[in-house]
Amino acid sequence: MNSHHGASRTPMHDIPPGARAAFVAVVAWSLAWKGASMWRAARNGSKPWFVGLLVTNTLGVLDAVYLFGVDRRAKRDDLTERAILTLTGEPEQGAHPQET
């Protein structure tokens, strides 16, 4: 089948069922990782990671790096800080609104 630009396109019915199933599986895999990582980045207020995850397509690799590397490291640092505050008896330093 030819388009009006002369380029040949393969209709979906010409693609073997196994290849279609593999394509659908790869898309589902990628969307699941992307959704989870972008949701977590947004929840954590990490705008650079959110944008990076939004504009890249690495079949879930970058998304997994964020979920299992960067995000867990931030949580571990937060837990360490809380443990130190508990041991020293210091109150947690809350954020103060900026004065205008």
C-alpha atoms as a PDB file:
ATOM      1  CA  MET A   1       0.000   0.000   0.000  1.00  0.00           C
ATOM      2  CA  ASN A   2       1.456   3.358  -1.028  1.00  0.00           C
ATOM      3  CA  SER A   3       0.682   6.689   0.570  1.00  0.00           C
ATOM      4  CA  HIS A   4       0.345   9.883  -1.400  1.00  0.00           C
ATOM      5  CA  HIS A   5       4.061  10.609  -0.727  1.00  0.00           C
ATOM      6  CA  GLY A   6       5.215   7.398  -2.361  1.00  0.00           C
ATOM      7  CA  ALA A   7       6.468   5.744   0.846  1.00  0.00           C
ATOM      8  CA  SER A   8       5.452   2.134   1.387  1.00  0.00           C
ATOM      9  CA  ARG A   9       3.593   1.254   4.576  1.00  0.00           C
ATOM     10  CA  THR A  10       3.000  -2.203   5.995  1.00  0.00           C
ATOM     11  CA  PRO A  11      -0.596  -2.784   7.084  1.00  0.00           C
ATOM     12  CA  MET A  12      -0.998  -4.234  10.585  1.00  0.00           C
ATOM     13  CA  HIS A  13      -2.486  -7.452   9.194  1.00  0.00           C
ATOM     14  CA  ASP A  14       0.817  -8.172   7.408  1.00  0.00           C
ATOM     15  CA  ILE A  15       2.749  -8.163  10.704  1.00  0.00           C
ATOM     16  CA  PRO A  16       3.007 -11.621  12.294  1.00  0.00           C
ATOM     17  CA  PRO A  17       0.952 -12.070  15.495  1.00  0.00           C
ATOM     18  CA  GLY A  18       4.086 -12.801  17.535  1.00  0.00           C
ATOM     19  CA  ALA A  19       5.671  -9.513  16.479  1.00  0.00           C
ATOM     20  CA  ARG A  20       2.472  -7.617  17.307  1.00  0.00           C
ATOM     21  CA  ALA A  21       2.327  -9.253  20.730  1.00  0.00           C
ATOM     22  CA  ALA A  22       5.991  -8.405  21.370  1.00  0.00           C
ATOM     23  CA  PHE A  23       5.386  -4.782  20.359  1.00  0.00           C
ATOM     24  CA  VAL A  24       2.373  -4.496  22.674  1.00  0.00           C
ATOM     25  CA  ALA A  25       4.378  -6.078  25.520  1.00  0.00           C
ATOM     26  CA  VAL A  26       7.283  -3.620  25.046  1.00  0.00           C
ATOM     27  CA  VAL A  27       4.906  -0.639  24.978  1.00  0.00           C
ATOM     28  CA  ALA A  28       3.084  -1.861  28.114  1.00  0.00           C
ATOM     29  CA  TRP A  29       6.414  -2.480  29.901  1.00  0.00           C
ATOM     30  CA  SER A  30       7.701   0.981  29.020  1.00  0.00           C
ATOM     31  CA  LEU A  31       4.469   2.746  29.992  1.00  0.00           C
ATOM     32  CA  ALA A  32       4.301   0.962  33.352  1.00  0.00           C
ATOM     33  CA  TRP A  33       7.851   2.003  34.297  1.00  0.00           C
ATOM     34  CA  LYS A  34       7.382   5.527  32.966  1.00  0.00           C
ATOM     35  CA  GLY A  35       4.104   5.984  34.819  1.00  0.00           C
ATOM     36  CA  ALA A  36       5.516   4.761  38.133  1.00  0.00           C
ATOM     37  CA  SER A  37       8.701   6.819  37.913  1.00  0.00           C
ATOM     38  CA  MET A  38       7.003  10.020  36.766  1.00  0.00           C
ATOM     39  CA  TRP A  39       4.374   9.679  39.486  1.00  0.00           C
ATOM     40  CA  ARG A  40       7.092   9.273  42.121  1.00  0.00           C
ATOM     41  CA  ALA A  41       9.164  12.165  40.734  1.00  0.00           C
ATOM     42  CA  ALA A  42       6.105  14.432  40.766  1.00  0.00           C
ATOM     43  CA  ARG A  43       5.192  13.364  44.290  1.00  0.00           C
ATOM     44  CA  ASN A  44       8.754  14.069  45.456  1.00  0.00           C
ATOM     45  CA  GLY A  45       8.763  17.474  43.757  1.00  0.00           C
ATOM     46  CA  SER A  46      11.715  16.526  41.554  1.00  0.00           C
ATOM     47  CA  LYS A  47      11.080  18.650  38.460  1.00  0.00           C
ATOM     48  CA  PRO A  48      14.363  17.838  36.643  1.00  0.00           C
ATOM     49  CA  TRP A  49      13.765  14.104  36.954  1.00  0.00           C
ATOM     50  CA  PHE A  50      10.110  14.485  35.957  1.00  0.00           C
ATOM     51  CA  VAL A  51      11.039  16.352  32.774  1.00  0.00           C
ATOM     52  CA  GLY A  52      13.901  13.973  32.007  1.00  0.00           C
ATOM     53  CA  LEU A  53      11.673  10.963  32.387  1.00  0.00           C
ATOM     54  CA  LEU A  54       8.965  12.621  30.304  1.00  0.00           C
ATOM     55  CA  VAL A  55      11.152  13.386  27.289  1.00  0.00           C
ATOM     56  CA  THR A  56      13.241  10.200  27.178  1.00  0.00           C
ATOM     57  CA  ASN A  57      12.267   6.742  26.092  1.00  0.00           C
ATOM     58  CA  THR A  58      14.709   4.139  27.363  1.00  0.00           C
ATOM     59  CA  LEU A  59      12.289   1.201  27.613  1.00  0.00           C
ATOM     60  CA  GLY A  60      12.141   1.591  31.374  1.00  0.00           C
ATOM     61  CA  VAL A  61      15.887   1.707  32.063  1.00  0.00           C
ATOM     62  CA  LEU A  62      16.096   5.352  33.175  1.00  0.00           C
ATOM     63  CA  ASP A  63      12.793   4.961  35.005  1.00  0.00           C
ATOM     64  CA  ALA A  64      14.143   1.985  36.976  1.00  0.00           C
ATOM     65  CA  VAL A  65      17.331   3.927  37.776  1.00  0.00           C
ATOM     66  CA  TYR A  66      15.218   6.690  39.291  1.00  0.00           C
ATOM     67  CA  LEU A  67      12.896   4.343  41.191  1.00  0.00           C
ATOM     68  CA  PHE A  68      15.539   1.996  42.582  1.00  0.00           C
ATOM     69  CA  GLY A  69      18.575   4.270  42.760  1.00  0.00           C
ATOM     70  CA  VAL A  70      17.913   7.960  43.117  1.00  0.00           C
ATOM     71  CA  ASP A  71      14.591   7.817  44.967  1.00  0.00           C
ATOM     72  CA  ARG A  72      15.755   5.179  47.445  1.00  0.00           C
ATOM     73  CA  ARG A  73      18.948   7.105  48.164  1.00  0.00           C
ATOM     74  CA  ALA A  74      16.898  10.225  48.980  1.00  0.00           C
ATOM     75  CA  LYS A  75      14.667   8.202  51.329  1.00  0.00           C
ATOM     76  CA  ARG A  76      17.721   6.668  53.020  1.00  0.00           C
ATOM     77  CA  ASP A  77      19.244  10.125  53.550  1.00  0.00           C
ATOM     78  CA  ASP A  78      15.953  11.364  55.037  1.00  0.00           C
ATOM     79  CA  LEU A  79      15.804   8.386  57.416  1.00  0.00           C
ATOM     80  CA  THR A  80      19.423   8.980  58.482  1.00  0.00           C
ATOM     81  CA  GLU A  81      18.679  12.642  59.202  1.00  0.00           C
ATOM     82  CA  ARG A  82      15.609  11.719  61.258  1.00  0.00           C
ATOM     83  CA  ALA A  83      17.628   9.169  63.242  1.00  0.00           C
ATOM     84  CA  ILE A  84      20.283  11.786  64.015  1.00  0.00           C
ATOM     85  CA  LEU A  85      17.639  14.278  65.139  1.00  0.00           C
ATOM     86  CA  THR A  86      16.052  11.642  67.357  1.00  0.00           C
ATOM     87  CA  LEU A  87      19.366  10.689  68.963  1.00  0.00           C
ATOM     88  CA  THR A  88      20.452  14.278  69.566  1.00  0.00           C
ATOM     89  CA  GLY A  89      17.024  15.436  70.732  1.00  0.00           C
ATOM     90  CA  GLU A  90      17.033  18.355  68.300  1.00  0.00           C
ATOM     91  CA  PRO A  91      13.736  19.400  66.793  1.00  0.00           C
ATOM     92  CA  GLU A  92      13.223  18.911  63.077  1.00  0.00           C
ATOM     93  CA  GLN A  93      13.951  22.040  61.082  1.00  0.00           C
ATOM     94  CA  GLY A  94      10.701  22.868  59.303  1.00  0.00           C
ATOM     95  CA  ALA A  95      10.521  24.992  56.213  1.00  0.00           C
ATOM     96  CA  HIS A  96       9.595  28.593  56.812  1.00  0.00           C
ATOM     97  CA  PRO A  97       7.523  30.496  54.288  1.00  0.00           C
ATOM     98  CA  GLN A  98       9.409  33.229  52.482  1.00  0.00           C
ATOM     99  CA  GLU A  99       8.629  36.719  53.567  1.00  0.00           C
ATOM    100  CA  THR A 100       7.719  39.169  50.856  1.00  0.00           C
END
